[in-house]
C-alpha atoms as a PDB file:
ATOM      1  CA  MET A   1      96.306  96.061 144.043  1.00  0.00           C
ATOM      2  CA  ASN A   2      97.263  98.994 141.805  1.00  0.00           C
ATOM      3  CA  ASP A   3      97.858 102.355 143.385  1.00  0.00           C
ATOM      4  CA  LEU A   4      95.485 104.726 141.588  1.00  0.00           C
ATOM      5  CA  SER A   5      97.590 107.658 142.715  1.00  0.00           C
ATOM      6  CA  ALA A   6     100.293 106.342 140.390  1.00  0.00           C
ATOM      7  CA  ALA A   7     101.243 108.089 137.181  1.00  0.00           C
ATOM      8  CA  PRO A   8      99.065 107.518 134.136  1.00  0.00           C
ATOM      9  CA  SER A   9      99.840 104.704 131.765  1.00  0.00           C
ATOM     10  CA  VAL A  10     100.082 105.437 128.048  1.00  0.00           C
ATOM     11  CA  GLU A  11     100.312 102.627 125.534  1.00  0.00           C
ATOM     12  CA  ILE A  12     101.336 103.333 121.948  1.00  0.00           C
ATOM     13  CA  ALA A  13     100.576 101.074 118.991  1.00  0.00           C
ATOM     14  CA  VAL A  14     102.093 101.805 115.598  1.00  0.00           C
ATOM     15  CA  SER A  15      99.982 100.047 112.974  1.00  0.00           C
ATOM     16  CA  CYS A  16     101.356 102.090 110.063  1.00  0.00           C
ATOM     17  CA  ASP A  17     105.111 101.889 109.455  1.00  0.00           C
ATOM     18  CA  ALA A  18     105.043 105.178 107.528  1.00  0.00           C
ATOM     19  CA  TRP A  19     104.948 106.950 110.904  1.00  0.00           C
ATOM     20  CA  LEU A  20     108.369 105.561 111.773  1.00  0.00           C
ATOM     21  CA  ASP A  21     109.761 106.270 108.308  1.00  0.00           C
ATOM     22  CA  ALA A  22     108.713 109.935 108.523  1.00  0.00           C
ATOM     23  CA  CYS A  23     109.326 110.387 112.238  1.00  0.00           C
ATOM     24  CA  PRO A  24     111.458 107.651 113.857  1.00  0.00           C
ATOM     25  CA  ASP A  25     110.579 108.925 117.357  1.00  0.00           C
ATOM     26  CA  ALA A  26     106.804 108.990 116.673  1.00  0.00           C
ATOM     27  CA  ALA A  27     105.915 106.531 119.437  1.00  0.00           C
ATOM     28  CA  ALA A  28     107.988 108.380 122.056  1.00  0.00           C
ATOM     29  CA  ILE A  29     106.607 111.757 120.938  1.00  0.00           C
ATOM     30  CA  ALA A  30     103.040 110.461 121.183  1.00  0.00           C
ATOM     31  CA  ALA A  31     103.676 108.990 124.648  1.00  0.00           C
ATOM     32  CA  ARG A  32     105.223 112.218 125.982  1.00  0.00           C
ATOM     33  CA  ALA A  33     102.368 114.300 124.546  1.00  0.00           C
ATOM     34  CA  ALA A  34      99.695 112.064 126.079  1.00  0.00           C
ATOM     35  CA  GLU A  35     101.471 112.014 129.449  1.00  0.00           C
ATOM     36  CA  ALA A  36     101.829 115.810 129.411  1.00  0.00           C
ATOM     37  CA  ALA A  37      98.137 116.311 128.617  1.00  0.00           C
ATOM     38  CA  LEU A  38      97.126 113.975 131.425  1.00  0.00           C
ATOM     39  CA  ALA A  39      99.528 115.548 133.921  1.00  0.00           C
ATOM     40  CA  GLU A  40      98.562 119.140 133.122  1.00  0.00           C
ATOM     41  CA  SER A  41      94.865 118.343 133.393  1.00  0.00           C
ATOM     42  CA  GLY A  42      95.298 116.790 136.802  1.00  0.00           C
ATOM     43  CA  ALA A  43      93.294 113.796 135.563  1.00  0.00           C
ATOM     44  CA  GLY A  44      96.236 111.472 135.043  1.00  0.00           C
ATOM     45  CA  ALA A  45      96.370 109.410 138.221  1.00  0.00           C
ATOM     46  CA  GLY A  46      95.529 105.761 137.674  1.00  0.00           C
ATOM     47  CA  LEU A  47      94.403 106.244 134.086  1.00  0.00           C
ATOM     48  CA  LEU A  48      95.261 104.327 130.949  1.00  0.00           C
ATOM     49  CA  VAL A  49      95.262 105.904 127.486  1.00  0.00           C
ATOM     50  CA  ASP A  50      95.853 103.986 124.284  1.00  0.00           C
ATOM     51  CA  VAL A  51      97.248 105.878 121.280  1.00  0.00           C
ATOM     52  CA  THR A  52      97.291 104.235 117.858  1.00  0.00           C
ATOM     53  CA  LEU A  53      99.349 105.643 115.012  1.00  0.00           C
ATOM     54  CA  SER A  54      97.355 104.389 112.059  1.00  0.00           C
ATOM     55  CA  ASP A  55      96.741 105.281 108.419  1.00  0.00           C
ATOM     56  CA  ASP A  56      94.012 107.009 106.435  1.00  0.00           C
ATOM     57  CA  ALA A  57      92.295 103.756 105.431  1.00  0.00           C
ATOM     58  CA  GLU A  58      91.815 102.644 109.047  1.00  0.00           C
ATOM     59  CA  GLN A  59      90.871 106.152 110.155  1.00  0.00           C
ATOM     60  CA  ARG A  60      88.280 106.373 107.384  1.00  0.00           C
ATOM     61  CA  ARG A  61      86.778 103.058 108.494  1.00  0.00           C
ATOM     62  CA  LEU A  62      86.616 104.203 112.116  1.00  0.00           C
ATOM     63  CA  ASN A  63      85.196 107.605 111.185  1.00  0.00           C
ATOM     64  CA  ARG A  64      82.528 105.975 109.010  1.00  0.00           C
ATOM     65  CA  THR A  65      81.622 103.357 111.621  1.00  0.00           C
ATOM     66  CA  TYR A  66      81.531 105.553 114.714  1.00  0.00           C
ATOM     67  CA  ARG A  67      80.798 109.048 113.408  1.00  0.00           C
ATOM     68  CA  GLY A  68      78.959 108.400 110.146  1.00  0.00           C
ATOM     69  CA  THR A  69      81.525 110.378 108.135  1.00  0.00           C
ATOM     70  CA  ASP A  70      83.036 108.472 105.205  1.00  0.00           C
ATOM     71  CA  ARG A  71      86.466 110.108 105.068  1.00  0.00           C
ATOM     72  CA  PRO A  72      89.666 110.030 107.077  1.00  0.00           C
ATOM     73  CA  THR A  73      90.357 112.680 109.677  1.00  0.00           C
ATOM     74  CA  ASN A  74      93.526 113.614 111.519  1.00  0.00           C
ATOM     75  CA  VAL A  75      92.589 112.385 114.999  1.00  0.00           C
ATOM     76  CA  LEU A  76      89.735 110.501 116.609  1.00  0.00           C
ATOM     77  CA  ALA A  77      89.166 110.176 120.338  1.00  0.00           C
ATOM     78  CA  PHE A  78      87.085 107.381 121.822  1.00  0.00           C
ATOM     79  CA  PRO A  79      86.289 107.991 125.522  1.00  0.00           C
ATOM     80  CA  GLN A  80      85.809 104.797 127.518  1.00  0.00           C
ATOM     81  CA  GLY A  81      84.545 106.022 130.871  1.00  0.00           C
ATOM     82  CA  GLY A  82      87.711 106.814 132.780  1.00  0.00           C
ATOM     83  CA  LEU A  83      87.216 107.656 136.422  1.00  0.00           C
ATOM     84  CA  GLU A  84      83.526 106.736 136.341  1.00  0.00           C
ATOM     85  CA  THR A  85      84.477 103.100 135.724  1.00  0.00           C
ATOM     86  CA  ALA A  86      87.570 103.000 137.952  1.00  0.00           C
ATOM     87  CA  ARG A  87      88.075 100.032 140.228  1.00  0.00           C
ATOM     88  CA  PRO A  88      90.442 100.021 143.176  1.00  0.00           C
ATOM     89  CA  ASP A  89      92.408  97.090 141.711  1.00  0.00           C
ATOM     90  CA  ALA A  90      92.992  98.331 138.159  1.00  0.00           C
ATOM     91  CA  PRO A  91      93.673 101.521 136.233  1.00  0.00           C
ATOM     92  CA  ALA A  92      90.718 103.108 134.493  1.00  0.00           C
ATOM     93  CA  LEU A  93      90.776 103.104 130.709  1.00  0.00           C
ATOM     94  CA  LEU A  94      90.231 106.738 129.821  1.00  0.00           C
ATOM     95  CA  GLY A  95      90.019 105.941 126.125  1.00  0.00           C
ATOM     96  CA  ASP A  96      91.691 105.603 122.776  1.00  0.00           C
ATOM     97  CA  VAL A  97      93.231 108.217 120.483  1.00  0.00           C
ATOM     98  CA  VAL A  98      93.825 107.251 116.844  1.00  0.00           C
ATOM     99  CA  LEU A  99      95.803 109.320 114.309  1.00  0.00           C
ATOM    100  CA  ALA A 100      95.908 108.942 110.512  1.00  0.00           C
ATOM    101  CA  PHE A 101      99.383 109.223 109.039  1.00  0.00           C
ATOM    102  CA  GLU A 102      98.624 110.547 105.554  1.00  0.00           C
ATOM    103  CA  THR A 103      96.243 113.217 106.831  1.00  0.00           C
ATOM    104  CA  VAL A 104      98.616 114.329 109.598  1.00  0.00           C
ATOM    105  CA  ARG A 105     101.567 114.469 107.177  1.00  0.00           C
ATOM    106  CA  ARG A 106      99.552 116.470 104.609  1.00  0.00           C
ATOM    107  CA  GLU A 107      98.310 118.939 107.233  1.00  0.00           C
ATOM    108  CA  ALA A 108     101.818 119.401 108.637  1.00  0.00           C
ATOM    109  CA  ALA A 109     103.117 120.201 105.142  1.00  0.00           C
ATOM    110  CA  GLU A 110     100.245 122.613 104.460  1.00  0.00           C
ATOM    111  CA  GLN A 111     100.866 124.354 107.788  1.00  0.00           C
ATOM    112  CA  HIS A 112     104.671 124.410 107.332  1.00  0.00           C
ATOM    113  CA  LYS A 113     105.400 122.541 110.551  1.00  0.00           C
ATOM    114  CA  PRO A 114     107.314 119.369 111.340  1.00  0.00           C
ATOM    115  CA  VAL A 115     105.293 116.141 111.422  1.00  0.00           C
ATOM    116  CA  ALA A 116     106.609 115.579 114.961  1.00  0.00           C
ATOM    117  CA  ASN A 117     105.096 118.851 116.196  1.00  0.00           C
ATOM    118  CA  HIS A 118     101.752 118.197 114.510  1.00  0.00           C
ATOM    119  CA  LEU A 119     101.735 114.678 115.960  1.00  0.00           C
ATOM    120  CA  ALA A 120     102.330 116.032 119.470  1.00  0.00           C
ATOM    121  CA  HIS A 121      99.584 118.624 119.014  1.00  0.00           C
ATOM    122  CA  LEU A 122      97.010 116.111 117.806  1.00  0.00           C
ATOM    123  CA  VAL A 123      97.779 113.641 120.589  1.00  0.00           C
ATOM    124  CA  VAL A 124      97.321 116.412 123.156  1.00  0.00           C
ATOM    125  CA  HIS A 125      94.101 117.435 121.390  1.00  0.00           C
ATOM    126  CA  GLY A 126      92.793 113.860 121.426  1.00  0.00           C
ATOM    127  CA  VAL A 127      93.640 113.284 125.094  1.00  0.00           C
ATOM    128  CA  LEU A 128      91.908 116.527 126.046  1.00  0.00           C
ATOM    129  CA  HIS A 129      88.801 115.226 124.272  1.00  0.00           C
ATOM    130  CA  LEU A 130      89.029 112.067 126.394  1.00  0.00           C
ATOM    131  CA  ILE A 131      89.179 114.207 129.528  1.00  0.00           C
ATOM    132  CA  GLY A 132      86.047 116.074 128.468  1.00  0.00           C
ATOM    133  CA  PHE A 133      87.247 119.143 126.598  1.00  0.00           C
ATOM    134  CA  ASP A 134      85.511 120.072 123.367  1.00  0.00           C
ATOM    135  CA  HIS A 135      85.340 122.847 120.787  1.00  0.00           C
ATOM    136  CA  GLU A 136      81.657 122.948 119.856  1.00  0.00           C
ATOM    137  CA  ASN A 137      81.449 126.699 120.425  1.00  0.00           C
ATOM    138  CA  ALA A 138      83.860 129.632 120.499  1.00  0.00           C
ATOM    139  CA  ALA A 139      84.280 129.657 124.288  1.00  0.00           C
ATOM    140  CA  GLU A 140      85.008 125.919 124.450  1.00  0.00           C
ATOM    141  CA  ALA A 141      87.397 126.174 121.502  1.00  0.00           C
ATOM    142  CA  ALA A 142      89.299 129.057 123.109  1.00  0.00           C
ATOM    143  CA  ALA A 143      89.639 127.182 126.408  1.00  0.00           C
ATOM    144  CA  MET A 144      90.780 123.993 124.701  1.00  0.00           C
ATOM    145  CA  GLU A 145      93.264 125.795 122.444  1.00  0.00           C
ATOM    146  CA  ALA A 146      94.742 127.694 125.399  1.00  0.00           C
ATOM    147  CA  ARG A 147      95.261 124.428 127.256  1.00  0.00           C
ATOM    148  CA  GLU A 148      96.840 122.814 124.171  1.00  0.00           C
ATOM    149  CA  ILE A 149      99.216 125.757 123.711  1.00  0.00           C
ATOM    150  CA  LYS A 150     100.284 125.548 127.376  1.00  0.00           C
ATOM    151  CA  ILE A 151     100.869 121.786 127.284  1.00  0.00           C
ATOM    152  CA  LEU A 152     102.749 121.964 123.984  1.00  0.00           C
ATOM    153  CA  ALA A 153     104.945 124.810 125.233  1.00  0.00           C
ATOM    154  CA  GLY A 154     106.014 122.506 128.071  1.00  0.00           C
ATOM    155  CA  LEU A 155     107.049 119.990 125.410  1.00  0.00           C
ATOM    156  CA  GLY A 156     108.974 122.611 123.419  1.00  0.00           C
ATOM    157  CA  VAL A 157     106.387 122.674 120.613  1.00  0.00           C
ATOM    158  CA  PRO A 158     105.453 126.128 119.272  1.00  0.00           C
ATOM    159  CA  ASP A 159     101.880 127.440 119.323  1.00  0.00           C
ATOM    160  CA  PRO A 160     100.126 125.295 116.687  1.00  0.00           C
ATOM    161  CA  TYR A 161      97.532 127.998 115.987  1.00  0.00           C
ATOM    162  CA  ARG A 162      99.936 130.841 115.237  1.00  0.00           C
ATOM    163  CA  GLY A 163      99.568 131.792 111.602  1.00  0.00           C
ATOM    164  CA  ILE A 164      96.619 129.447 110.948  1.00  0.00           C
ATOM    165  CA  MET A 165      93.281 130.883 110.017  1.00  0.00           C
END
């Protein structure tokens, strides 16, 4: 029987080799960012999060299929139920976070930040969506951004919103 008080489990899949070419530590960065978001939220015990480092083509397909938007986006989060579906003998799948390499790389360049930092930010952002955070209005956005900034600071990543309008 699994101990649901155990640390969260984060699994990383790299389906686009360009991630590793641009950022050899991409998988480790994504894992640390997801673990930090889970730990800071207090929702990490007994949870499983899958992070996929994909490309724009796959992200576009997912965005079109699940959100009705026919274009790639930087990050998608697919909640799977989490604690509501937890069983005493298995970790609960909180959900999946998928990132698109070309979009993330382009945004990092436009924002004058390292791909590694933007990757960490977007993984944290995606995991917070899985936990239930959103940014549909100004108050929600402010709360989510403040949490992201705090988590990223713990990872040594500067405020991702500084200087962005």
